[in-house]
């Protein structure tokens, strides 16, 4: 099983895609909802809860761009809708006119057996100028609705699974685009010894999207999500030997076919480590999933092929894609230029420097990426860019183009989501790439572009308000602050903020959103504010999005016309 030939055969057997036939109506076909009398009902409608059918959200919406939207989730008493059905509630049957732009939308369960949608897998809303009596309903068959999500590998993970489960009722595909410039933890150790792009963020997102429907799938997730000992390099090494030799208890519950496939790539990873006589690998706090990813990437000589394999092994639905922001087999280093002209090299040095963390070992550096209270940078970040692996200054800056598959997904997107998290080290590394700003701008204003705002200030955005965060995202997409003559430059784009952001979603009680002042300024920029429920699970005064409330907010925005 340690041989490359065996790995190739096993990989081909496991990852062979099956063609699934499905009935899809022609684009533009409408699927109505009939009443008991057989009449097709029309009116202003909205979906019920996409989760349990018991959560109810009241939404007041004003088309004036300076308005704010508030989403409040409560608990209803109705039973969840039956599997395979989607229920809707008519809130208004008034014609849509310029005088009638204010509406109440309710995402909740209505125990209404009249609402039986016609066959088809993609349904959405229809707003009609036709008047009808209260309680009438209507639905549209949605096709080719595709969401692309730019984010890092940590903050959005809490909502990734909810997004997958819920938006499948409204979308054909959700694509997650992640950076490959992480240089902390076991990812940094893999890059140091074996080279290549960082896989930690991608592995983390894939793990959150993996299937957990069967005992075997849960066992596979437990194995690929496992970390070795963080307290002793020797303990970690001995545990790794147990895993790679197939003797670790984590293999229990995994069939021989799956075990042989996964173990083949772990063995391939180990073989490549042993070939490096000039570097001693530190397994401390190592991620088994990262090692699997690295083994597959080295074998296929392609990170995307490794992602494809991981997706099939872990049961990620085919309607969900995970892509690296760049297509490369080289090591990448992120740099940040501050407003005072100084340059910081490395993602962790920008966001979680070791001097502010508590390393658990001298090997693979451990950082607390969830730490919300850190000393801010002495000067604000002006822009982020990529450096060659050996580079330290602007002279080593490299102009990177986005992964062509990312640009292809972007051209077909009907909604763009910018995730919350580390603004400059998780989100902007994907946005500054050549082709991304052009692709988002080409989508036009009718495509919803949603920025999810952080709930508190971290090291990168100390003192920022909501407008500052919006401007930072737009500056990255415009590639502002391009180097002077003699340095790599593709030139700035110069688009206004509303070209890149149409909605700003903020967690209730968050510290970054400045209230009425930010709301007014954002309204003048053509950006609508949507406020949703938040949670503070650790009680540290760090509001985070409630996952269900956030995805409900996105679903409502998707249905706006």
Protein backbone atom coordinates (compact mmCIF):
# COMPACT_ATOMS: atom_id res chain seq x y z
CA UNK A 1 0.00 0.00 0.00
CA UNK A 2 2.97 2.30 0.34
CA UNK A 3 3.59 2.21 -3.39
CA UNK A 4 2.46 4.96 -5.73
CA UNK A 5 0.82 2.45 -8.06
CA UNK A 6 -1.46 1.14 -5.35
CA UNK A 7 -2.37 4.69 -4.36
CA UNK A 8 -3.31 5.54 -7.93
CA UNK A 9 -5.51 2.48 -8.35
CA UNK A 10 -7.26 3.00 -5.03
CA UNK A 11 -7.76 6.69 -5.72
CA UNK A 12 -9.36 6.02 -9.09
CA UNK A 13 -11.72 3.46 -7.58
CA UNK A 14 -12.85 5.74 -4.77
CA UNK A 15 -13.09 9.06 -6.56
CA UNK A 16 -14.81 7.90 -9.75
CA UNK A 17 -17.72 10.26 -10.16
CA UNK A 18 -21.18 8.99 -10.76
CA UNK A 19 -23.42 10.70 -13.24
CA UNK A 20 -26.70 11.50 -11.60
CA UNK A 21 -29.72 12.11 -13.79
CA UNK A 22 -32.20 14.69 -12.64
CA UNK A 23 -35.19 16.40 -14.11
CA UNK A 24 -34.57 20.10 -14.64
CA UNK A 25 -37.09 22.35 -16.31
CA UNK A 26 -35.94 24.81 -19.00
CA UNK A 27 -34.62 28.12 -17.74
CA UNK A 28 -37.38 30.57 -17.01
CA UNK A 29 -40.04 27.88 -16.44
CA UNK A 30 -42.33 28.84 -13.56
CA UNK A 31 -43.73 26.37 -11.07
CA UNK A 32 -46.89 27.64 -9.44
CA UNK A 33 -48.58 26.61 -6.22
CA UNK A 34 -52.22 25.65 -6.51
CA UNK A 35 -54.97 26.11 -3.96
CA UNK A 36 -57.58 23.48 -3.21
CA UNK A 37 -59.72 24.98 -5.95
CA UNK A 38 -56.96 24.43 -8.46
CA UNK A 39 -56.32 28.14 -9.02
CA UNK A 40 -52.67 29.17 -9.44
CA UNK A 41 -52.04 31.68 -6.69
CA UNK A 42 -49.78 34.67 -7.01
CA UNK A 43 -48.67 37.36 -4.64
CA UNK A 44 -45.76 38.64 -2.66
CA UNK A 45 -44.30 35.60 -0.96
CA UNK A 46 -41.32 34.42 1.04
CA UNK A 47 -39.87 31.11 2.16
CA UNK A 48 -40.44 29.62 5.54
CA UNK A 49 -37.45 28.66 7.65
CA UNK A 50 -34.98 26.56 5.72
CA UNK A 51 -33.75 24.78 8.84
CA UNK A 52 -36.34 23.29 11.15
CA UNK A 53 -39.45 25.11 10.04
CA UNK A 54 -39.79 26.45 13.58
CA UNK A 55 -37.59 29.54 13.45
CA UNK A 56 -39.40 32.70 12.49
CA UNK A 57 -37.74 35.87 11.28
CA UNK A 58 -39.47 39.22 10.95
CA UNK A 59 -37.90 41.57 8.44
CA UNK A 60 -38.64 45.19 7.71
CA UNK A 61 -37.12 46.32 4.44
CA UNK A 62 -36.89 49.73 2.85
CA UNK A 63 -35.45 50.10 -0.64
CA UNK A 64 -33.88 53.40 0.33
CA UNK A 65 -30.18 52.50 0.48
CA UNK A 66 -29.69 54.37 3.72
CA UNK A 67 -32.10 52.08 5.54
CA UNK A 68 -31.23 49.29 7.90
CA UNK A 69 -32.72 45.83 8.09
CA UNK A 70 -33.26 43.94 11.32
CA UNK A 71 -33.69 40.19 11.47
CA UNK A 72 -35.10 38.73 14.67
CA UNK A 73 -35.44 34.99 15.17
CA UNK A 74 -38.13 33.58 17.44
CA UNK A 75 -39.60 30.15 17.94
CA UNK A 76 -42.89 29.15 16.38
CA UNK A 77 -45.22 26.37 17.34
CA UNK A 78 -45.81 24.77 13.96
CA UNK A 79 -44.35 21.48 12.85
CA UNK A 80 -41.51 21.55 10.32
CA UNK A 81 -42.49 21.13 6.68
CA UNK A 82 -42.45 17.67 5.22
CA UNK A 83 -39.37 16.50 3.41
CA UNK A 84 -39.49 17.49 -0.25
CA UNK A 85 -41.88 20.40 0.23
CA UNK A 86 -41.27 24.10 0.61
CA UNK A 87 -43.87 26.25 2.32
CA UNK A 88 -44.39 29.92 1.72
CA UNK A 89 -46.39 32.66 3.35
CA UNK A 90 -47.96 35.60 1.55
CA UNK A 91 -47.31 38.80 3.46
CA UNK A 92 -48.65 41.23 0.93
CA UNK A 93 -50.57 41.00 -2.30
CA UNK A 94 -50.28 44.67 -3.20
CA UNK A 95 -48.79 45.53 -6.60
CA UNK A 96 -45.11 46.40 -6.53
CA UNK A 97 -44.89 50.11 -7.18
CA UNK A 98 -42.49 52.90 -6.28
CA UNK A 99 -44.83 53.84 -3.44
CA UNK A 100 -45.02 50.28 -2.18
CA UNK A 101 -41.43 49.38 -1.37
CA UNK A 102 -41.79 48.59 2.30
CA UNK A 103 -42.64 45.09 3.28
CA UNK A 104 -42.59 42.62 6.11
CA UNK A 105 -41.06 39.22 5.40
CA UNK A 106 -41.42 36.27 7.65
CA UNK A 107 -39.21 33.21 7.52
CA UNK A 108 -41.18 30.70 9.56
CA UNK A 109 -43.21 27.56 9.41
CA UNK A 110 -46.85 27.82 8.40
CA UNK A 111 -48.81 24.63 8.81
CA UNK A 112 -50.39 24.98 5.39
CA UNK A 113 -50.88 21.83 3.40
CA UNK A 114 -52.05 23.80 0.36
CA UNK A 115 -48.50 24.72 -0.53
CA UNK A 116 -47.35 21.74 -2.59
CA UNK A 117 -44.71 22.85 -5.08
CA UNK A 118 -44.46 21.16 -8.45
CA UNK A 119 -41.50 18.89 -9.18
CA UNK A 120 -38.05 20.39 -9.60
CA UNK A 121 -35.10 20.88 -7.27
CA UNK A 122 -34.59 24.64 -7.34
CA UNK A 123 -37.35 26.90 -6.05
CA UNK A 124 -37.50 30.56 -5.21
CA UNK A 125 -39.77 33.53 -4.90
CA UNK A 126 -41.85 35.49 -7.34
CA UNK A 127 -43.00 39.01 -6.71
CA UNK A 128 -45.93 39.83 -8.89
CA UNK A 129 -47.78 43.04 -9.53
CA UNK A 130 -50.99 41.02 -9.56
CA UNK A 131 -53.34 41.45 -6.59
CA UNK A 132 -54.93 38.49 -4.86
CA UNK A 133 -56.50 37.69 -1.52
CA UNK A 134 -54.45 37.24 1.65
CA UNK A 135 -53.07 33.74 2.15
CA UNK A 136 -52.43 33.10 -1.56
CA UNK A 137 -49.11 31.56 -2.50
CA UNK A 138 -46.82 31.18 -5.45
CA UNK A 139 -43.36 29.77 -6.15
CA UNK A 140 -40.81 29.94 -8.92
CA UNK A 141 -38.49 27.20 -10.06
CA UNK A 142 -34.95 28.55 -9.62
CA UNK A 143 -32.17 27.49 -11.92
CA UNK A 144 -28.52 28.40 -12.29
CA UNK A 145 -28.33 30.20 -8.96
CA UNK A 146 -24.71 29.94 -7.84
CA UNK A 147 -23.06 31.43 -4.76
CA UNK A 148 -19.31 32.04 -4.44
CA UNK A 149 -17.85 32.57 -0.96
CA UNK A 150 -14.46 34.21 -0.34
CA UNK A 151 -13.18 33.55 3.17
CA UNK A 152 -10.44 32.17 5.39
CA UNK A 153 -10.46 28.76 7.00
CA UNK A 154 -11.55 29.53 10.57
CA UNK A 155 -14.24 32.17 11.17
CA UNK A 156 -16.74 31.06 8.52
CA UNK A 157 -16.34 27.40 9.47
CA UNK A 158 -19.01 27.79 12.15
CA UNK A 159 -21.54 28.66 9.43
CA UNK A 160 -20.24 26.59 6.50
CA UNK A 161 -22.27 23.47 7.29
CA UNK A 162 -25.43 25.49 7.92
CA UNK A 163 -24.91 27.27 4.62
CA UNK A 164 -24.51 23.95 2.83
CA UNK A 165 -27.65 22.44 4.34
CA UNK A 166 -29.86 25.50 4.00
CA UNK A 167 -28.92 27.21 0.76
CA UNK A 168 -29.31 23.96 -1.16
CA UNK A 169 -33.00 24.83 -1.32
CA UNK A 170 -32.18 28.05 -3.15
CA UNK A 171 -28.95 27.41 -5.02
CA UNK A 172 -27.48 24.98 -7.52
CA UNK A 173 -23.94 25.37 -6.24
CA UNK A 174 -21.92 26.97 -3.46
CA UNK A 175 -18.20 27.50 -4.13
CA UNK A 176 -15.76 28.23 -1.29
CA UNK A 177 -12.56 30.05 -2.27
CA UNK A 178 -9.76 29.91 0.30
CA UNK A 179 -6.21 31.30 0.56
CA UNK A 180 -3.07 29.16 0.54
CA UNK A 181 -0.74 31.51 2.41
CA UNK A 182 -1.18 30.22 5.99
CA UNK A 183 2.22 29.84 7.66
CA UNK A 184 1.36 28.68 11.17
CA UNK A 185 0.96 25.39 13.01
CA UNK A 186 1.44 22.04 11.26
CA UNK A 187 0.81 23.70 7.90
CA UNK A 188 4.01 25.72 8.29
CA UNK A 189 5.96 22.57 9.12
CA UNK A 190 4.73 20.82 5.96
CA UNK A 191 5.65 23.83 3.82
CA UNK A 192 9.06 24.12 5.50
CA UNK A 193 10.03 20.52 4.82
CA UNK A 194 8.12 19.61 1.65
CA UNK A 195 7.29 23.00 0.11
CA UNK A 196 4.11 23.70 -1.84
CA UNK A 197 1.08 25.85 -0.98
CA UNK A 198 -0.42 25.80 2.50
CA UNK A 199 -3.34 23.39 2.85
CA UNK A 200 -4.55 24.12 6.42
CA UNK A 201 -7.43 26.47 5.60
CA UNK A 202 -8.68 24.25 2.79
CA UNK A 203 -8.51 21.12 4.94
CA UNK A 204 -10.38 22.91 7.70
CA UNK A 205 -13.22 23.96 5.39
CA UNK A 206 -13.45 20.56 3.71
CA UNK A 207 -13.74 18.91 7.10
CA UNK A 208 -16.68 21.16 8.04
CA UNK A 209 -18.45 20.35 4.78
CA UNK A 210 -17.92 16.59 5.04
CA UNK A 211 -20.79 14.17 5.41
CA UNK A 212 -21.65 12.85 8.87
CA UNK A 213 -24.68 10.77 7.94
CA UNK A 214 -23.17 7.35 8.58
CA UNK A 215 -20.97 5.82 11.25
CA UNK A 216 -18.21 5.33 8.69
CA UNK A 217 -18.32 8.94 7.49
CA UNK A 218 -18.12 10.12 11.10
CA UNK A 219 -15.13 7.84 11.67
CA UNK A 220 -13.40 9.23 8.56
CA UNK A 221 -14.02 12.77 9.78
CA UNK A 222 -12.65 11.90 13.22
CA UNK A 223 -9.48 10.49 11.65
CA UNK A 224 -8.87 13.37 9.23
CA UNK A 225 -9.75 15.94 11.88
CA UNK A 226 -7.45 14.43 14.52
CA UNK A 227 -4.37 16.24 15.79
CA UNK A 228 -1.35 14.54 17.28
CA UNK A 229 -0.01 15.32 20.74
CA UNK A 230 0.66 19.01 21.27
CA UNK A 231 2.78 18.52 24.40
CA UNK A 232 5.55 16.19 23.33
CA UNK A 233 7.31 15.79 19.99
CA UNK A 234 8.14 12.17 20.81
CA UNK A 235 4.55 11.33 21.77
CA UNK A 236 3.32 12.93 18.57
CA UNK A 237 5.80 10.95 16.50
CA UNK A 238 4.85 7.63 18.09
CA UNK A 239 1.15 8.34 17.60
CA UNK A 240 1.79 9.21 13.95
CA UNK A 241 3.52 5.84 13.45
CA UNK A 242 0.43 4.14 14.85
CA UNK A 243 -1.76 6.00 12.38
CA UNK A 244 0.38 5.47 9.30
CA UNK A 245 0.85 1.76 10.10
CA UNK A 246 -2.92 1.30 10.44
CA UNK A 247 -2.88 0.33 14.13
CA UNK A 248 -4.40 3.44 15.71
CA UNK A 249 -7.91 3.11 17.23
CA UNK A 250 -9.05 5.92 14.92
CA UNK A 251 -9.18 3.39 12.08
CA UNK A 252 -12.02 1.51 13.82
CA UNK A 253 -15.28 1.98 11.97
CA UNK A 254 -13.58 2.61 8.61
CA UNK A 255 -13.95 -0.10 5.98
CA UNK A 256 -10.90 -1.65 4.33
CA UNK A 257 -11.52 0.17 1.03
CA UNK A 258 -11.57 3.58 2.69
CA UNK A 259 -8.73 2.67 5.03
CA UNK A 260 -6.49 1.49 2.21
CA UNK A 261 -7.12 4.63 0.17
CA UNK A 262 -6.51 7.08 3.00
CA UNK A 263 -3.53 5.15 4.36
CA UNK A 264 -1.88 4.99 0.92
CA UNK A 265 -1.57 8.77 0.79
CA UNK A 266 -0.45 9.00 4.40
CA UNK A 267 2.30 6.49 3.57
CA UNK A 268 3.23 8.55 0.51
CA UNK A 269 3.52 11.61 2.75
CA UNK A 270 5.77 9.70 5.16
CA UNK A 271 7.99 8.48 2.32
CA UNK A 272 8.55 12.02 1.11
CA UNK A 273 9.50 13.15 4.61
CA UNK A 274 12.06 10.36 4.89
CA UNK A 275 13.64 11.42 1.59
CA UNK A 276 14.51 14.79 3.11
CA UNK A 277 17.75 14.11 4.91
CA UNK A 278 18.39 17.82 5.36
CA UNK A 279 15.23 18.56 7.37
CA UNK A 280 13.82 16.83 10.44
CA UNK A 281 10.01 16.88 10.53
CA UNK A 282 8.23 17.86 13.75
CA UNK A 283 4.89 16.05 14.20
CA UNK A 284 3.87 18.10 17.26
CA UNK A 285 0.15 18.99 17.08
CA UNK A 286 0.16 17.75 13.49
CA UNK A 287 -3.12 17.39 11.62
CA UNK A 288 -3.77 13.98 10.01
CA UNK A 289 -5.98 15.73 7.45
CA UNK A 290 -3.13 18.08 6.51
CA UNK A 291 -0.81 15.09 6.05
CA UNK A 292 -3.38 13.36 3.85
CA UNK A 293 -3.79 16.52 1.78
CA UNK A 294 -0.02 16.93 1.42
CA UNK A 295 0.46 13.30 0.39
CA UNK A 296 -2.27 13.53 -2.24
CA UNK A 297 -0.99 16.89 -3.53
CA UNK A 298 2.55 15.55 -3.93
CA UNK A 299 1.31 12.38 -5.62
CA UNK A 300 -0.97 14.15 -8.10
CA UNK A 301 1.22 17.26 -8.33
CA UNK A 302 -1.96 19.26 -8.02
CA UNK A 303 -3.68 20.78 -5.00
CA UNK A 304 -7.03 20.76 -6.77
CA UNK A 305 -6.71 17.04 -7.45
CA UNK A 306 -6.00 16.53 -3.76
CA UNK A 307 -9.12 18.54 -2.89
CA UNK A 308 -11.17 16.42 -5.29
CA UNK A 309 -9.90 13.24 -3.67
CA UNK A 310 -10.54 14.55 -0.16
CA UNK A 311 -14.05 15.65 -1.18
CA UNK A 312 -14.94 12.18 -2.41
CA UNK A 313 -13.35 10.38 0.52
CA UNK A 314 -15.12 12.61 3.07
CA UNK A 315 -18.46 12.77 1.25
CA UNK A 316 -18.70 16.47 0.39
CA UNK A 317 -21.77 16.95 -1.87
CA UNK A 318 -21.07 17.50 -5.54
CA UNK A 319 -23.04 20.74 -5.40
CA UNK A 320 -20.38 22.19 -3.10
CA UNK A 321 -16.94 23.11 -4.46
CA UNK A 322 -13.79 24.08 -2.56
CA UNK A 323 -11.07 25.87 -4.54
CA UNK A 324 -7.67 27.39 -3.75
CA UNK A 325 -7.53 31.06 -4.68
CA UNK A 326 -4.42 30.45 -6.81
CA UNK A 327 -3.29 27.45 -8.81
CA UNK A 328 0.33 26.85 -7.85
CA UNK A 329 2.70 24.25 -6.45
CA UNK A 330 5.05 26.92 -5.11
CA UNK A 331 5.40 28.26 -1.58
CA UNK A 332 3.66 31.60 -1.09
CA UNK A 333 4.31 34.25 1.53
CA UNK A 334 1.88 37.03 2.39
CA UNK A 335 3.20 40.52 3.02
CA UNK A 336 1.52 43.60 4.51
CA UNK A 337 2.52 47.17 3.82
CA UNK A 338 1.59 49.52 6.65
CA UNK A 339 0.65 53.16 6.28
CA UNK A 340 3.99 54.16 7.83
CA UNK A 341 5.79 52.41 4.95
CA UNK A 342 7.04 49.38 6.91
CA UNK A 343 6.47 45.80 5.69
CA UNK A 344 5.48 42.72 7.73
CA UNK A 345 6.30 39.31 6.24
CA UNK A 346 4.13 36.27 6.87
CA UNK A 347 0.46 35.73 7.66
CA UNK A 348 0.97 34.79 11.30
CA UNK A 349 3.37 37.65 11.90
CA UNK A 350 0.66 40.01 10.64
CA UNK A 351 -2.30 38.55 12.54
CA UNK A 352 -1.02 36.31 15.37
CA UNK A 353 2.68 36.91 16.01
CA UNK A 354 4.29 34.36 18.29
CA UNK A 355 5.22 37.05 20.78
CA UNK A 356 1.50 37.49 21.42
CA UNK A 357 0.68 33.79 21.45
CA UNK A 358 1.63 30.96 23.77
CA UNK A 359 3.64 28.35 21.87
CA UNK A 360 3.20 24.83 23.13
CA UNK A 361 6.39 23.60 21.54
CA UNK A 362 9.49 24.80 19.80
CA UNK A 363 8.57 22.87 16.66
CA UNK A 364 5.33 23.52 14.82
CA UNK A 365 4.37 26.93 16.15
CA UNK A 366 1.01 27.04 17.90
CA UNK A 367 -1.12 30.15 17.62
CA UNK A 368 -4.57 30.95 18.93
CA UNK A 369 -6.41 32.11 15.83
CA UNK A 370 -9.58 32.60 17.83
CA UNK A 371 -8.03 35.13 20.17
CA UNK A 372 -10.10 38.27 19.86
CA UNK A 373 -8.14 40.62 22.11
CA UNK A 374 -4.68 41.47 20.87
CA UNK A 375 -2.56 44.57 20.65
CA UNK A 376 -3.37 46.37 17.39
CA UNK A 377 -0.68 47.10 14.84
CA UNK A 378 1.30 50.29 15.41
CA UNK A 379 0.18 51.55 12.00
CA UNK A 380 -2.83 50.58 9.90
CA UNK A 381 -2.41 48.16 7.01
CA UNK A 382 -2.35 49.89 3.64
CA UNK A 383 -2.47 46.75 1.51
CA UNK A 384 -1.47 43.09 1.37
CA UNK A 385 0.52 41.42 -1.39
CA UNK A 386 2.49 38.27 -2.19
CA UNK A 387 6.23 37.78 -1.74
CA UNK A 388 8.53 35.11 -3.07
CA UNK A 389 9.37 32.55 -0.39
CA UNK A 390 12.81 34.01 0.20
CA UNK A 391 11.63 37.62 -0.16
CA UNK A 392 11.50 40.23 2.58
CA UNK A 393 10.72 43.57 0.89
CA UNK A 394 8.86 45.15 -2.02
CA UNK A 395 11.64 44.13 -4.36
CA UNK A 396 10.53 40.51 -3.93
CA UNK A 397 6.83 41.18 -4.56
CA UNK A 398 5.18 38.91 -7.12
CA UNK A 399 2.03 39.63 -9.12
CA UNK A 400 -0.32 36.66 -8.73
CA UNK A 401 -3.27 35.82 -10.95
CA UNK A 402 -6.34 34.11 -9.56
CA UNK A 403 -7.03 30.44 -10.16
CA UNK A 404 -8.78 30.21 -13.54
CA UNK A 405 -11.41 27.91 -12.05
CA UNK A 406 -12.20 30.58 -9.47
CA UNK A 407 -12.65 33.16 -12.23
CA UNK A 408 -14.87 30.71 -14.11
CA UNK A 409 -17.08 30.21 -11.04
CA UNK A 410 -17.13 33.98 -10.50
CA UNK A 411 -18.36 34.65 -14.04
CA UNK A 412 -21.37 32.42 -13.41
CA UNK A 413 -22.11 33.62 -9.87
CA UNK A 414 -25.48 35.06 -8.92
CA UNK A 415 -24.32 36.00 -5.40
CA UNK A 416 -20.93 36.85 -3.88
CA UNK A 417 -20.27 36.49 -0.15
CA UNK A 418 -17.19 37.91 1.59
CA UNK A 419 -16.71 36.02 4.85
CA UNK A 420 -15.95 37.41 8.27
CA UNK A 421 -12.66 36.71 10.01
CA UNK A 422 -9.16 38.13 9.68
CA UNK A 423 -9.79 40.86 7.14
CA UNK A 424 -6.30 41.30 5.71
CA UNK A 425 -4.87 37.80 6.14
CA UNK A 426 -7.90 35.58 5.41
CA UNK A 427 -10.15 37.55 3.05
CA UNK A 428 -7.96 40.03 1.16
CA UNK A 429 -5.35 37.47 -0.04
CA UNK A 430 -8.00 36.13 -2.43
CA UNK A 431 -9.34 39.55 -3.42
CA UNK A 432 -6.03 41.15 -4.46
CA UNK A 433 -5.37 38.51 -7.10
CA UNK A 434 -5.50 39.52 -10.74
CA UNK A 435 -8.93 38.95 -12.28
CA UNK A 436 -10.98 38.88 -9.07
CA UNK A 437 -11.81 42.60 -8.92
CA UNK A 438 -12.57 42.61 -12.63
CA UNK A 439 -14.79 39.54 -12.26
CA UNK A 440 -16.83 40.93 -9.36
CA UNK A 441 -17.25 44.31 -11.07
CA UNK A 442 -18.45 42.63 -14.29
CA UNK A 443 -21.34 40.95 -12.43
CA UNK A 444 -23.24 44.22 -12.19
CA UNK A 445 -25.33 45.73 -9.42
CA UNK A 446 -28.17 43.20 -9.80
CA UNK A 447 -25.94 40.45 -8.36
CA UNK A 448 -25.97 40.54 -4.57
CA UNK A 449 -22.53 41.08 -3.01
CA UNK A 450 -22.65 40.50 0.73
CA UNK A 451 -19.92 41.42 3.20
CA UNK A 452 -20.12 39.76 6.63
CA UNK A 453 -18.75 42.14 9.26
CA UNK A 454 -16.68 41.05 12.25
CA UNK A 455 -18.20 41.38 15.70
CA UNK A 456 -15.08 42.70 17.42
CA UNK A 457 -11.71 44.25 16.70
CA UNK A 458 -8.71 42.00 16.23
CA UNK A 459 -5.07 42.97 15.73
CA UNK A 460 -5.57 43.76 12.04
CA UNK A 461 -8.52 46.16 12.36
CA UNK A 462 -7.92 47.94 15.66
CA UNK A 463 -9.99 51.14 15.68
CA UNK A 464 -11.86 50.31 12.45
CA UNK A 465 -15.54 50.99 11.95
CA UNK A 466 -17.83 49.33 9.39
CA UNK A 467 -17.03 51.87 6.68
CA UNK A 468 -13.30 51.26 7.15
CA UNK A 469 -13.83 47.52 6.64
CA UNK A 470 -15.91 48.08 3.50
CA UNK A 471 -13.24 50.41 2.14
CA UNK A 472 -10.51 47.85 2.86
CA UNK A 473 -12.36 45.17 0.89
CA UNK A 474 -12.99 47.53 -2.02
CA UNK A 475 -9.37 48.72 -1.97
CA UNK A 476 -8.18 45.10 -2.22
CA UNK A 477 -10.50 44.39 -5.15
CA UNK A 478 -9.44 47.63 -6.86
CA UNK A 479 -5.79 46.77 -6.12
CA UNK A 480 -5.21 50.25 -4.73
CA UNK A 481 -1.74 51.24 -3.62
CA UNK A 482 -0.08 49.38 -6.46
CA UNK A 483 3.73 49.57 -6.43
CA UNK A 484 5.58 52.44 -8.07
CA UNK A 485 7.43 52.13 -11.34
CA UNK A 486 9.79 49.18 -11.48
CA UNK A 487 7.62 46.97 -9.25
CA UNK A 488 5.02 44.44 -10.38
CA UNK A 489 1.70 46.13 -10.98
CA UNK A 490 -1.50 45.42 -12.85
CA UNK A 491 -2.93 48.85 -12.15
CA UNK A 492 -5.85 49.91 -9.98
CA UNK A 493 -9.46 49.56 -11.14
CA UNK A 494 -11.06 52.55 -9.45
CA UNK A 495 -14.60 51.21 -8.98
CA UNK A 496 -16.84 52.67 -6.25
CA UNK A 497 -17.72 50.63 -3.17
CA UNK A 498 -21.24 49.82 -4.38
CA UNK A 499 -19.73 47.93 -7.33
CA UNK A 500 -18.27 45.39 -4.93
CA UNK A 501 -20.62 45.46 -1.92
CA UNK A 502 -24.41 45.77 -2.01
CA UNK A 503 -25.20 44.50 1.52
CA UNK A 504 -23.34 44.62 4.81
CA UNK A 505 -24.49 41.99 7.33
CA UNK A 506 -23.58 42.82 10.93
CA UNK A 507 -23.97 40.82 14.17
CA UNK A 508 -26.24 42.49 16.71
CA UNK A 509 -24.28 44.11 19.52
CA UNK A 510 -21.01 43.96 17.59
CA UNK A 511 -18.23 46.42 18.38
CA UNK A 512 -17.16 47.22 14.82
CA UNK A 513 -20.48 48.49 13.48
CA UNK A 514 -20.85 52.14 14.54
CA UNK A 515 -24.64 52.34 14.58
CA UNK A 516 -26.48 55.22 12.96
CA UNK A 517 -23.31 56.98 11.87
CA UNK A 518 -22.07 53.97 9.90
CA UNK A 519 -25.56 53.24 8.61
CA UNK A 520 -25.94 56.72 7.19
CA UNK A 521 -22.52 56.76 5.56
CA UNK A 522 -23.01 53.29 4.09
CA UNK A 523 -26.40 54.35 2.75
CA UNK A 524 -24.75 57.22 0.94
CA UNK A 525 -22.34 54.69 -0.57
CA UNK A 526 -25.29 52.62 -1.86
CA UNK A 527 -24.87 49.78 0.65
CA UNK A 528 -27.74 48.32 2.68
CA UNK A 529 -27.17 47.24 6.28
CA UNK A 530 -28.69 43.99 7.59
CA UNK A 531 -28.42 43.25 11.32
CA UNK A 532 -28.84 39.68 12.57
CA UNK A 533 -28.77 37.82 15.86
CA UNK A 534 -25.44 37.15 17.50
CA UNK A 535 -24.06 34.83 20.16
CA UNK A 536 -21.15 35.08 22.58
CA UNK A 537 -20.48 31.44 23.46
CA UNK A 538 -17.34 32.13 25.47
CA UNK A 539 -18.73 35.14 27.33
CA UNK A 540 -15.76 37.31 26.42
CA UNK A 541 -17.74 40.18 24.91
CA UNK A 542 -16.99 38.96 21.39
CA UNK A 543 -20.30 38.77 19.49
CA UNK A 544 -20.37 36.23 16.68
CA UNK A 545 -23.03 35.51 14.10
CA UNK A 546 -25.68 33.00 15.07
CA UNK A 547 -25.21 30.48 12.25
CA UNK A 548 -28.89 29.91 11.52
CA UNK A 549 -29.78 33.59 11.71
CA UNK A 550 -26.90 34.48 9.39
CA UNK A 551 -27.85 31.98 6.71
CA UNK A 552 -31.50 33.03 6.97
CA UNK A 553 -30.37 36.62 6.37
CA UNK A 554 -28.42 35.55 3.29
CA UNK A 555 -31.40 33.59 2.01
CA UNK A 556 -33.64 36.66 2.36
CA UNK A 557 -31.13 38.82 0.50
CA UNK A 558 -30.96 36.21 -2.25
CA UNK A 559 -34.70 36.54 -2.79
CA UNK A 560 -34.73 40.31 -3.17
CA UNK A 561 -35.56 41.61 -6.62
